[in-house]
PDB file of N, CA and C in Angstrom:
ATOM      1  N   UNK A   1     -19.369   7.138  -8.354  1.00  0.00           N
ATOM      2  CA  UNK A   1     -18.888   5.892  -7.835  1.00  0.00           C
ATOM      3  C   UNK A   1     -19.598   5.651  -6.511  1.00  0.00           C
ATOM      4  N   UNK A   2     -19.986   4.397  -6.283  1.00  0.00           N
ATOM      5  CA  UNK A   2     -20.695   4.063  -5.056  1.00  0.00           C
ATOM      6  C   UNK A   2     -20.028   2.887  -4.352  1.00  0.00           C
ATOM      7  N   UNK A   3     -19.860   3.023  -3.058  1.00  0.00           N
ATOM      8  CA  UNK A   3     -19.371   1.943  -2.218  1.00  0.00           C
ATOM      9  C   UNK A   3     -20.499   1.570  -1.279  1.00  0.00           C
ATOM     10  N   UNK A   4     -20.800   0.290  -1.205  1.00  0.00           N
ATOM     11  CA  UNK A   4     -21.857  -0.190  -0.327  1.00  0.00           C
ATOM     12  C   UNK A   4     -21.313  -1.337   0.519  1.00  0.00           C
ATOM     13  N   UNK A   5     -21.223  -1.092   1.806  1.00  0.00           N
ATOM     14  CA  UNK A   5     -20.777  -2.122   2.734  1.00  0.00           C
ATOM     15  C   UNK A   5     -19.372  -2.610   2.472  1.00  0.00           C
ATOM     16  N   UNK A   6     -18.507  -1.752   1.969  1.00  0.00           N
ATOM     17  CA  UNK A   6     -17.165  -2.158   1.578  1.00  0.00           C
ATOM     18  C   UNK A   6     -16.284  -2.359   2.811  1.00  0.00           C
ATOM     19  N   UNK A   7     -15.580  -3.460   2.788  1.00  0.00           N
ATOM     20  CA  UNK A   7     -14.608  -3.769   3.833  1.00  0.00           C
ATOM     21  C   UNK A   7     -13.371  -4.356   3.197  1.00  0.00           C
ATOM     22  N   UNK A   8     -12.242  -4.235   3.878  1.00  0.00           N
ATOM     23  CA  UNK A   8     -10.990  -4.789   3.358  1.00  0.00           C
ATOM     24  C   UNK A   8     -10.136  -5.246   4.523  1.00  0.00           C
ATOM     25  N   UNK A   9      -9.659  -6.457   4.390  1.00  0.00           N
ATOM     26  CA  UNK A   9      -8.659  -6.966   5.317  1.00  0.00           C
ATOM     27  C   UNK A   9      -7.633  -7.737   4.513  1.00  0.00           C
ATOM     28  N   UNK A  10      -6.467  -7.871   5.071  1.00  0.00           N
ATOM     29  CA  UNK A  10      -5.378  -8.563   4.390  1.00  0.00           C
ATOM     30  C   UNK A  10      -5.192  -9.920   5.050  1.00  0.00           C
ATOM     31  N   UNK A  11      -5.342 -10.969   4.249  1.00  0.00           N
ATOM     32  CA  UNK A  11      -5.259 -12.327   4.777  1.00  0.00           C
ATOM     33  C   UNK A  11      -6.626 -12.818   5.216  1.00  0.00           C
ATOM     34  N   UNK A  12      -6.764 -14.140   5.304  1.00  0.00           N
ATOM     35  CA  UNK A  12      -8.059 -14.734   5.654  1.00  0.00           C
ATOM     36  C   UNK A  12      -8.537 -14.361   7.042  1.00  0.00           C
ATOM     37  N   UNK A  13      -7.615 -14.237   7.962  1.00  0.00           N
ATOM     38  CA  UNK A  13      -7.997 -13.904   9.339  1.00  0.00           C
ATOM     39  C   UNK A  13      -7.340 -12.623   9.834  1.00  0.00           C
ATOM     40  N   UNK A  14      -6.877 -11.822   8.895  1.00  0.00           N
ATOM     41  CA  UNK A  14      -6.225 -10.568   9.266  1.00  0.00           C
ATOM     42  C   UNK A  14      -7.209  -9.571   9.847  1.00  0.00           C
ATOM     43  N   UNK A  15      -6.663  -8.591  10.504  1.00  0.00           N
ATOM     44  CA  UNK A  15      -7.499  -7.533  11.080  1.00  0.00           C
ATOM     45  C   UNK A  15      -8.161  -6.729   9.963  1.00  0.00           C
ATOM     46  N   UNK A  16      -9.367  -6.257  10.219  1.00  0.00           N
ATOM     47  CA  UNK A  16     -10.064  -5.413   9.257  1.00  0.00           C
ATOM     48  C   UNK A  16      -9.400  -4.041   9.219  1.00  0.00           C
ATOM     49  N   UNK A  17      -9.079  -3.589   7.999  1.00  0.00           N
ATOM     50  CA  UNK A  17      -8.530  -2.248   7.812  1.00  0.00           C
ATOM     51  C   UNK A  17      -9.679  -1.272   7.599  1.00  0.00           C
ATOM     52  N   UNK A  18     -10.666  -1.690   6.828  1.00  0.00           N
ATOM     53  CA  UNK A  18     -11.893  -0.921   6.600  1.00  0.00           C
ATOM     54  C   UNK A  18     -13.065  -1.872   6.782  1.00  0.00           C
ATOM     55  N   UNK A  19     -14.177  -1.339   7.260  1.00  0.00           N
ATOM     56  CA  UNK A  19     -15.350  -2.192   7.438  1.00  0.00           C
ATOM     57  C   UNK A  19     -16.620  -1.359   7.331  1.00  0.00           C
ATOM     58  N   UNK A  20     -17.558  -1.830   6.497  1.00  0.00           N
ATOM     59  CA  UNK A  20     -18.868  -1.192   6.398  1.00  0.00           C
ATOM     60  C   UNK A  20     -18.866   0.199   5.801  1.00  0.00           C
ATOM     61  N   UNK A  21     -18.005   0.440   4.814  1.00  0.00           N
ATOM     62  CA  UNK A  21     -17.917   1.781   4.214  1.00  0.00           C
ATOM     63  C   UNK A  21     -19.027   1.963   3.182  1.00  0.00           C
ATOM     64  N   UNK A  22     -19.842   2.982   3.373  1.00  0.00           N
ATOM     65  CA  UNK A  22     -20.863   3.402   2.417  1.00  0.00           C
ATOM     66  C   UNK A  22     -20.487   4.813   1.980  1.00  0.00           C
ATOM     67  N   UNK A  23     -20.354   4.998   0.675  1.00  0.00           N
ATOM     68  CA  UNK A  23     -19.890   6.284   0.162  1.00  0.00           C
ATOM     69  C   UNK A  23     -20.381   6.457  -1.260  1.00  0.00           C
ATOM     70  N   UNK A  24     -20.773   7.672  -1.593  1.00  0.00           N
ATOM     71  CA  UNK A  24     -21.088   8.005  -2.976  1.00  0.00           C
ATOM     72  C   UNK A  24     -20.281   9.239  -3.357  1.00  0.00           C
ATOM     73  N   UNK A  25     -19.547   9.134  -4.458  1.00  0.00           N
ATOM     74  CA  UNK A  25     -18.751  10.247  -4.967  1.00  0.00           C
ATOM     75  C   UNK A  25     -19.302  10.589  -6.344  1.00  0.00           C
ATOM     76  N   UNK A  26     -19.844  11.766  -6.470  1.00  0.00           N
ATOM     77  CA  UNK A  26     -20.442  12.188  -7.735  1.00  0.00           C
ATOM     78  C   UNK A  26     -19.371  12.701  -8.686  1.00  0.00           C
ATOM     79  N   UNK A  27     -19.589  12.574  -9.993  1.00  0.00           N
ATOM     80  CA  UNK A  27     -18.613  13.084 -10.969  1.00  0.00           C
ATOM     81  C   UNK A  27     -18.305  14.557 -10.715  1.00  0.00           C
ATOM     82  N   UNK A  28     -17.034  14.903 -10.803  1.00  0.00           N
ATOM     83  CA  UNK A  28     -16.610  16.275 -10.599  1.00  0.00           C
ATOM     84  C   UNK A  28     -16.424  16.661  -9.139  1.00  0.00           C
ATOM     85  N   UNK A  29     -16.694  15.722  -8.229  1.00  0.00           N
ATOM     86  CA  UNK A  29     -16.545  16.009  -6.804  1.00  0.00           C
ATOM     87  C   UNK A  29     -15.072  16.089  -6.429  1.00  0.00           C
ATOM     88  N   UNK A  30     -14.804  16.887  -5.438  1.00  0.00           N
ATOM     89  CA  UNK A  30     -13.481  16.973  -4.851  1.00  0.00           C
ATOM     90  C   UNK A  30     -13.634  16.540  -3.404  1.00  0.00           C
ATOM     91  N   UNK A  31     -12.920  15.488  -3.033  1.00  0.00           N
ATOM     92  CA  UNK A  31     -13.014  15.003  -1.661  1.00  0.00           C
ATOM     93  C   UNK A  31     -11.630  14.994  -1.026  1.00  0.00           C
ATOM     94  N   UNK A  32     -11.618  15.022   0.278  1.00  0.00           N
ATOM     95  CA  UNK A  32     -10.363  14.943   1.019  1.00  0.00           C
ATOM     96  C   UNK A  32     -10.481  13.786   2.000  1.00  0.00           C
ATOM     97  N   UNK A  33      -9.470  12.956   2.035  1.00  0.00           N
ATOM     98  CA  UNK A  33      -9.443  11.814   2.946  1.00  0.00           C
ATOM     99  C   UNK A  33      -8.411  12.128   4.022  1.00  0.00           C
ATOM    100  N   UNK A  34      -8.860  12.182   5.258  1.00  0.00           N
ATOM    101  CA  UNK A  34      -7.958  12.486   6.366  1.00  0.00           C
ATOM    102  C   UNK A  34      -8.085  11.409   7.434  1.00  0.00           C
ATOM    103  N   UNK A  35      -7.077  11.303   8.249  1.00  0.00           N
ATOM    104  CA  UNK A  35      -7.091  10.348   9.349  1.00  0.00           C
ATOM    105  C   UNK A  35      -5.689  10.106   9.841  1.00  0.00           C
ATOM    106  N   UNK A  36      -5.607   9.466  10.970  1.00  0.00           N
ATOM    107  CA  UNK A  36      -4.302   9.184  11.565  1.00  0.00           C
ATOM    108  C   UNK A  36      -3.627   8.026  10.834  1.00  0.00           C
ATOM    109  N   UNK A  37      -2.353   7.840  11.124  1.00  0.00           N
ATOM    110  CA  UNK A  37      -1.617   6.726  10.528  1.00  0.00           C
ATOM    111  C   UNK A  37      -2.321   5.417  10.868  1.00  0.00           C
ATOM    112  N   UNK A  38      -2.453   4.558   9.861  1.00  0.00           N
ATOM    113  CA  UNK A  38      -3.064   3.254  10.076  1.00  0.00           C
ATOM    114  C   UNK A  38      -4.574   3.251  10.082  1.00  0.00           C
ATOM    115  N   UNK A  39      -5.196   4.373   9.722  1.00  0.00           N
ATOM    116  CA  UNK A  39      -6.662   4.435   9.766  1.00  0.00           C
ATOM    117  C   UNK A  39      -7.336   3.908   8.504  1.00  0.00           C
ATOM    118  N   UNK A  40      -6.549   3.579   7.458  1.00  0.00           N
ATOM    119  CA  UNK A  40      -7.126   2.992   6.254  1.00  0.00           C
ATOM    120  C   UNK A  40      -7.224   3.923   5.062  1.00  0.00           C
ATOM    121  N   UNK A  41      -6.607   5.096   5.134  1.00  0.00           N
ATOM    122  CA  UNK A  41      -6.697   6.057   4.025  1.00  0.00           C
ATOM    123  C   UNK A  41      -6.135   5.480   2.723  1.00  0.00           C
ATOM    124  N   UNK A  42      -4.937   4.957   2.777  1.00  0.00           N
ATOM    125  CA  UNK A  42      -4.314   4.416   1.559  1.00  0.00           C
ATOM    126  C   UNK A  42      -5.080   3.211   1.042  1.00  0.00           C
ATOM    127  N   UNK A  43      -5.568   2.389   1.945  1.00  0.00           N
ATOM    128  CA  UNK A  43      -6.370   1.233   1.536  1.00  0.00           C
ATOM    129  C   UNK A  43      -7.629   1.701   0.822  1.00  0.00           C
ATOM    130  N   UNK A  44      -8.293   2.706   1.348  1.00  0.00           N
ATOM    131  CA  UNK A  44      -9.490   3.249   0.704  1.00  0.00           C
ATOM    132  C   UNK A  44      -9.156   3.778  -0.688  1.00  0.00           C
ATOM    133  N   UNK A  45      -8.084   4.533  -0.809  1.00  0.00           N
ATOM    134  CA  UNK A  45      -7.708   5.082  -2.120  1.00  0.00           C
ATOM    135  C   UNK A  45      -7.373   3.970  -3.110  1.00  0.00           C
ATOM    136  N   UNK A  46      -6.718   2.920  -2.646  1.00  0.00           N
ATOM    137  CA  UNK A  46      -6.397   1.786  -3.522  1.00  0.00           C
ATOM    138  C   UNK A  46      -7.680   1.080  -3.981  1.00  0.00           C
ATOM    139  N   UNK A  47      -8.667   0.991  -3.111  1.00  0.00           N
ATOM    140  CA  UNK A  47      -9.958   0.410  -3.494  1.00  0.00           C
ATOM    141  C   UNK A  47     -10.667   1.292  -4.513  1.00  0.00           C
ATOM    142  N   UNK A  48     -10.668   2.595  -4.268  1.00  0.00           N
ATOM    143  CA  UNK A  48     -11.325   3.521  -5.183  1.00  0.00           C
ATOM    144  C   UNK A  48     -10.694   3.471  -6.577  1.00  0.00           C
ATOM    145  N   UNK A  49      -9.379   3.302  -6.627  1.00  0.00           N
ATOM    146  CA  UNK A  49      -8.677   3.266  -7.912  1.00  0.00           C
ATOM    147  C   UNK A  49      -8.758   1.902  -8.581  1.00  0.00           C
ATOM    148  N   UNK A  50      -9.267   0.895  -7.876  1.00  0.00           N
ATOM    149  CA  UNK A  50      -9.372  -0.435  -8.467  1.00  0.00           C
ATOM    150  C   UNK A  50      -8.088  -1.247  -8.393  1.00  0.00           C
ATOM    151  N   UNK A  51      -7.124  -0.792  -7.604  1.00  0.00           N
ATOM    152  CA  UNK A  51      -5.868  -1.532  -7.445  1.00  0.00           C
ATOM    153  C   UNK A  51      -6.092  -2.754  -6.571  1.00  0.00           C
ATOM    154  N   UNK A  52      -6.879  -2.605  -5.530  1.00  0.00           N
ATOM    155  CA  UNK A  52      -7.253  -3.703  -4.647  1.00  0.00           C
ATOM    156  C   UNK A  52      -8.754  -3.936  -4.764  1.00  0.00           C
ATOM    157  N   UNK A  53      -9.177  -5.142  -4.451  1.00  0.00           N
ATOM    158  CA  UNK A  53     -10.603  -5.474  -4.441  1.00  0.00           C
ATOM    159  C   UNK A  53     -11.087  -5.520  -2.995  1.00  0.00           C
ATOM    160  N   UNK A  54     -12.331  -5.128  -2.768  1.00  0.00           N
ATOM    161  CA  UNK A  54     -12.843  -5.213  -1.401  1.00  0.00           C
ATOM    162  C   UNK A  54     -12.992  -6.667  -0.963  1.00  0.00           C
ATOM    163  N   UNK A  55     -12.802  -6.916   0.314  1.00  0.00           N
ATOM    164  CA  UNK A  55     -13.037  -8.243   0.878  1.00  0.00           C
ATOM    165  C   UNK A  55     -14.539  -8.485   0.980  1.00  0.00           C
ATOM    166  N   UNK A  56     -15.271  -7.427   1.346  1.00  0.00           N
ATOM    167  CA  UNK A  56     -16.731  -7.496   1.401  1.00  0.00           C
ATOM    168  C   UNK A  56     -17.301  -6.246   0.744  1.00  0.00           C
ATOM    169  N   UNK A  57     -18.558  -6.326   0.360  1.00  0.00           N
ATOM    170  CA  UNK A  57     -19.241  -5.179  -0.218  1.00  0.00           C
ATOM    171  C   UNK A  57     -18.956  -5.028  -1.707  1.00  0.00           C
ATOM    172  N   UNK A  58     -19.467  -3.944  -2.262  1.00  0.00           N
ATOM    173  CA  UNK A  58     -19.354  -3.699  -3.704  1.00  0.00           C
ATOM    174  C   UNK A  58     -18.998  -2.259  -3.994  1.00  0.00           C
ATOM    175  N   UNK A  59     -18.227  -2.087  -5.074  1.00  0.00           N
ATOM    176  CA  UNK A  59     -17.944  -0.767  -5.617  1.00  0.00           C
ATOM    177  C   UNK A  59     -18.509  -0.752  -7.025  1.00  0.00           C
ATOM    178  N   UNK A  60     -19.404   0.181  -7.310  1.00  0.00           N
ATOM    179  CA  UNK A  60     -20.031   0.252  -8.625  1.00  0.00           C
ATOM    180  C   UNK A  60     -19.830   1.640  -9.215  1.00  0.00           C
ATOM    181  N   UNK A  61     -20.042   1.716 -10.518  1.00  0.00           N
ATOM    182  CA  UNK A  61     -19.956   2.973 -11.268  1.00  0.00           C
ATOM    183  C   UNK A  61     -18.596   3.641 -11.110  1.00  0.00           C
ATOM    184  N   UNK A  62     -17.545   2.816 -11.042  1.00  0.00           N
ATOM    185  CA  UNK A  62     -16.191   3.370 -10.895  1.00  0.00           C
ATOM    186  C   UNK A  62     -15.744   3.951 -12.226  1.00  0.00           C
ATOM    187  N   UNK A  63     -15.375   5.229 -12.244  1.00  0.00           N
ATOM    188  CA  UNK A  63     -14.849   5.800 -13.484  1.00  0.00           C
ATOM    189  C   UNK A  63     -13.416   5.333 -13.688  1.00  0.00           C
ATOM    190  N   UNK A  64     -12.874   5.648 -14.809  1.00  0.00           N
ATOM    191  CA  UNK A  64     -11.471   5.344 -15.055  1.00  0.00           C
ATOM    192  C   UNK A  64     -10.638   6.187 -14.092  1.00  0.00           C
ATOM    193  N   UNK A  65      -9.811   5.535 -13.310  1.00  0.00           N
ATOM    194  CA  UNK A  65      -9.059   6.233 -12.273  1.00  0.00           C
ATOM    195  C   UNK A  65      -7.607   5.797 -12.282  1.00  0.00           C
ATOM    196  N   UNK A  66      -6.812   6.532 -11.551  1.00  0.00           N
ATOM    197  CA  UNK A  66      -5.407   6.180 -11.340  1.00  0.00           C
ATOM    198  C   UNK A  66      -5.060   6.522  -9.902  1.00  0.00           C
ATOM    199  N   UNK A  67      -4.018   5.920  -9.418  1.00  0.00           N
ATOM    200  CA  UNK A  67      -3.567   6.142  -8.052  1.00  0.00           C
ATOM    201  C   UNK A  67      -2.075   6.415  -8.076  1.00  0.00           C
ATOM    202  N   UNK A  68      -1.687   7.511  -7.503  1.00  0.00           N
ATOM    203  CA  UNK A  68      -0.272   7.857  -7.399  1.00  0.00           C
ATOM    204  C   UNK A  68       0.045   7.953  -5.915  1.00  0.00           C
ATOM    205  N   UNK A  69       0.890   7.054  -5.408  1.00  0.00           N
ATOM    206  CA  UNK A  69       1.192   7.089  -3.977  1.00  0.00           C
ATOM    207  C   UNK A  69       1.940   8.356  -3.592  1.00  0.00           C
ATOM    208  N   UNK A  70       1.823   8.710  -2.322  1.00  0.00           N
ATOM    209  CA  UNK A  70       2.484   9.913  -1.820  1.00  0.00           C
ATOM    210  C   UNK A  70       4.001   9.781  -1.920  1.00  0.00           C
ATOM    211  N   UNK A  71       4.490   8.599  -1.633  1.00  0.00           N
ATOM    212  CA  UNK A  71       5.934   8.351  -1.700  1.00  0.00           C
ATOM    213  C   UNK A  71       6.187   7.163  -2.605  1.00  0.00           C
ATOM    214  N   UNK A  72       7.247   7.275  -3.396  1.00  0.00           N
ATOM    215  CA  UNK A  72       7.656   6.175  -4.252  1.00  0.00           C
ATOM    216  C   UNK A  72       8.746   5.389  -3.549  1.00  0.00           C
ATOM    217  N   UNK A  73       8.755   4.061  -3.687  1.00  0.00           N
ATOM    218  CA  UNK A  73       9.858   3.291  -3.118  1.00  0.00           C
ATOM    219  C   UNK A  73      11.185   3.770  -3.720  1.00  0.00           C
ATOM    220  N   UNK A  74      12.216   3.767  -2.915  1.00  0.00           N
ATOM    221  CA  UNK A  74      13.516   4.290  -3.343  1.00  0.00           C
ATOM    222  C   UNK A  74      14.064   3.566  -4.562  1.00  0.00           C
ATOM    223  N   UNK A  75      13.741   2.277  -4.690  1.00  0.00           N
ATOM    224  CA  UNK A  75      14.298   1.511  -5.809  1.00  0.00           C
ATOM    225  C   UNK A  75      13.434   1.565  -7.073  1.00  0.00           C
ATOM    226  N   UNK A  76      12.343   2.325  -7.047  1.00  0.00           N
ATOM    227  CA  UNK A  76      11.492   2.465  -8.225  1.00  0.00           C
ATOM    228  C   UNK A  76      12.213   3.331  -9.252  1.00  0.00           C
ATOM    229  N   UNK A  77      12.338   2.850 -10.492  1.00  0.00           N
ATOM    230  CA  UNK A  77      13.156   3.571 -11.475  1.00  0.00           C
ATOM    231  C   UNK A  77      12.425   4.714 -12.177  1.00  0.00           C
ATOM    232  N   UNK A  78      11.524   5.410 -11.480  1.00  0.00           N
ATOM    233  CA  UNK A  78      10.745   6.483 -12.083  1.00  0.00           C
ATOM    234  C   UNK A  78      10.826   7.749 -11.243  1.00  0.00           C
ATOM    235  N   UNK A  79      10.751   8.869 -11.906  1.00  0.00           N
ATOM    236  CA  UNK A  79      10.395  10.115 -11.235  1.00  0.00           C
ATOM    237  C   UNK A  79       8.869  10.154 -11.222  1.00  0.00           C
ATOM    238  N   UNK A  80       8.283  11.102 -10.526  1.00  0.00           N
ATOM    239  CA  UNK A  80       6.819  11.216 -10.529  1.00  0.00           C
ATOM    240  C   UNK A  80       6.314  11.454 -11.954  1.00  0.00           C
ATOM    241  N   UNK A  81       6.979  12.325 -12.708  1.00  0.00           N
ATOM    242  CA  UNK A  81       6.586  12.591 -14.093  1.00  0.00           C
ATOM    243  C   UNK A  81       6.736  11.333 -14.940  1.00  0.00           C
ATOM    244  N   UNK A  82       7.820  10.623 -14.762  1.00  0.00           N
ATOM    245  CA  UNK A  82       8.039   9.388 -15.509  1.00  0.00           C
ATOM    246  C   UNK A  82       6.987   8.335 -15.196  1.00  0.00           C
ATOM    247  N   UNK A  83       6.604   8.262 -13.929  1.00  0.00           N
ATOM    248  CA  UNK A  83       5.576   7.302 -13.525  1.00  0.00           C
ATOM    249  C   UNK A  83       4.237   7.632 -14.177  1.00  0.00           C
ATOM    250  N   UNK A  84       3.845   8.903 -14.108  1.00  0.00           N
ATOM    251  CA  UNK A  84       2.569   9.297 -14.714  1.00  0.00           C
ATOM    252  C   UNK A  84       2.577   9.080 -16.223  1.00  0.00           C
ATOM    253  N   UNK A  85       3.694   9.349 -16.855  1.00  0.00           N
ATOM    254  CA  UNK A  85       3.815   9.099 -18.296  1.00  0.00           C
ATOM    255  C   UNK A  85       3.665   7.611 -18.578  1.00  0.00           C
ATOM    256  N   UNK A  86       4.316   6.787 -17.786  1.00  0.00           N
ATOM    257  CA  UNK A  86       4.221   5.332 -17.945  1.00  0.00           C
ATOM    258  C   UNK A  86       2.776   4.848 -17.791  1.00  0.00           C
ATOM    259  N   UNK A  87       2.095   5.349 -16.770  1.00  0.00           N
ATOM    260  CA  UNK A  87       0.699   4.947 -16.545  1.00  0.00           C
ATOM    261  C   UNK A  87      -0.168   5.355 -17.736  1.00  0.00           C
ATOM    262  N   UNK A  88       0.069   6.546 -18.269  1.00  0.00           N
ATOM    263  CA  UNK A  88      -0.665   6.975 -19.458  1.00  0.00           C
ATOM    264  C   UNK A  88      -0.435   6.041 -20.632  1.00  0.00           C
ATOM    265  N   UNK A  89       0.792   5.610 -20.815  1.00  0.00           N
ATOM    266  CA  UNK A  89       1.119   4.670 -21.913  1.00  0.00           C
ATOM    267  C   UNK A  89       0.440   3.316 -21.679  1.00  0.00           C
ATOM    268  N   UNK A  90       0.444   2.852 -20.439  1.00  0.00           N
ATOM    269  CA  UNK A  90      -0.208   1.582 -20.116  1.00  0.00           C
ATOM    270  C   UNK A  90      -1.689   1.646 -20.451  1.00  0.00           C
ATOM    271  N   UNK A  91      -2.284   2.828 -20.261  1.00  0.00           N
ATOM    272  CA  UNK A  91      -3.718   2.988 -20.526  1.00  0.00           C
ATOM    273  C   UNK A  91      -4.016   3.395 -21.967  1.00  0.00           C
ATOM    274  N   UNK A  92      -3.031   3.251 -22.843  1.00  0.00           N
ATOM    275  CA  UNK A  92      -3.294   3.403 -24.266  1.00  0.00           C
ATOM    276  C   UNK A  92      -2.970   4.736 -24.887  1.00  0.00           C
ATOM    277  N   UNK A  93      -2.400   5.670 -24.147  1.00  0.00           N
ATOM    278  CA  UNK A  93      -2.035   6.950 -24.749  1.00  0.00           C
ATOM    279  C   UNK A  93      -0.740   6.810 -25.540  1.00  0.00           C
ATOM    280  N   UNK A  94      -0.614   7.590 -26.592  1.00  0.00           N
ATOM    281  CA  UNK A  94       0.640   7.667 -27.311  1.00  0.00           C
ATOM    282  C   UNK A  94       1.652   8.422 -26.470  1.00  0.00           C
ATOM    283  N   UNK A  95       2.912   8.350 -26.846  1.00  0.00           N
ATOM    284  CA  UNK A  95       3.969   8.979 -26.047  1.00  0.00           C
ATOM    285  C   UNK A  95       3.738  10.470 -25.826  1.00  0.00           C
ATOM    286  N   UNK A  96       3.401  11.189 -26.888  1.00  0.00           N
ATOM    287  CA  UNK A  96       3.202  12.635 -26.769  1.00  0.00           C
ATOM    288  C   UNK A  96       2.024  12.951 -25.852  1.00  0.00           C
ATOM    289  N   UNK A  97       0.933  12.252 -26.013  1.00  0.00           N
ATOM    290  CA  UNK A  97      -0.248  12.494 -25.186  1.00  0.00           C
ATOM    291  C   UNK A  97       0.025  12.105 -23.733  1.00  0.00           C
ATOM    292  N   UNK A  98       0.775  11.046 -23.525  1.00  0.00           N
ATOM    293  CA  UNK A  98       1.092  10.609 -22.155  1.00  0.00           C
ATOM    294  C   UNK A  98       1.951  11.653 -21.450  1.00  0.00           C
ATOM    295  N   UNK A  99       2.943  12.178 -22.132  1.00  0.00           N
ATOM    296  CA  UNK A  99       3.799  13.212 -21.548  1.00  0.00           C
ATOM    297  C   UNK A  99       2.985  14.471 -21.263  1.00  0.00           C
ATOM    298  N   UNK A 100       2.159  14.880 -22.218  1.00  0.00           N
ATOM    299  CA  UNK A 100       1.341  16.078 -22.039  1.00  0.00           C
ATOM    300  C   UNK A 100       0.399  15.905 -20.842  1.00  0.00           C
ATOM    301  N   UNK A 101      -0.241  14.751 -20.738  1.00  0.00           N
ATOM    302  CA  UNK A 101      -1.143  14.490 -19.616  1.00  0.00           C
ATOM    303  C   UNK A 101      -0.407  14.468 -18.277  1.00  0.00           C
ATOM    304  N   UNK A 102       0.764  13.868 -18.271  1.00  0.00           N
ATOM    305  CA  UNK A 102       1.564  13.824 -17.034  1.00  0.00           C
ATOM    306  C   UNK A 102       1.980  15.219 -16.602  1.00  0.00           C
ATOM    307  N   UNK A 103       2.347  16.040 -17.557  1.00  0.00           N
ATOM    308  CA  UNK A 103       2.762  17.404 -17.229  1.00  0.00           C
ATOM    309  C   UNK A 103       1.611  18.245 -16.683  1.00  0.00           C
ATOM    310  N   UNK A 104       0.396  17.976 -17.175  1.00  0.00           N
ATOM    311  CA  UNK A 104      -0.772  18.693 -16.670  1.00  0.00           C
ATOM    312  C   UNK A 104      -1.033  18.339 -15.240  1.00  0.00           C
TER     313      UNK A 104
END
């Protein structure tokens, strides 16, 4: 996956959360994203997973990905396992395969 000049802001005149990100992640890579609160980590992960679109720049060669937030909203009717199973079903897995994948 490649990011070239990727930036993200919320709203037409909102502050930039990310700006000018160039990154290449090769298949099989393990990366760690660190930073202080408000530094754009979650925004970057949402862009990588395709949940949000960049305001500027391009993301290419994105593999099939998923994003599981660190914390679930209290009113979300899922456990973490239930959420992963649901996402598997949304992406076309049968019930048994979705449960097996979530458990892994």
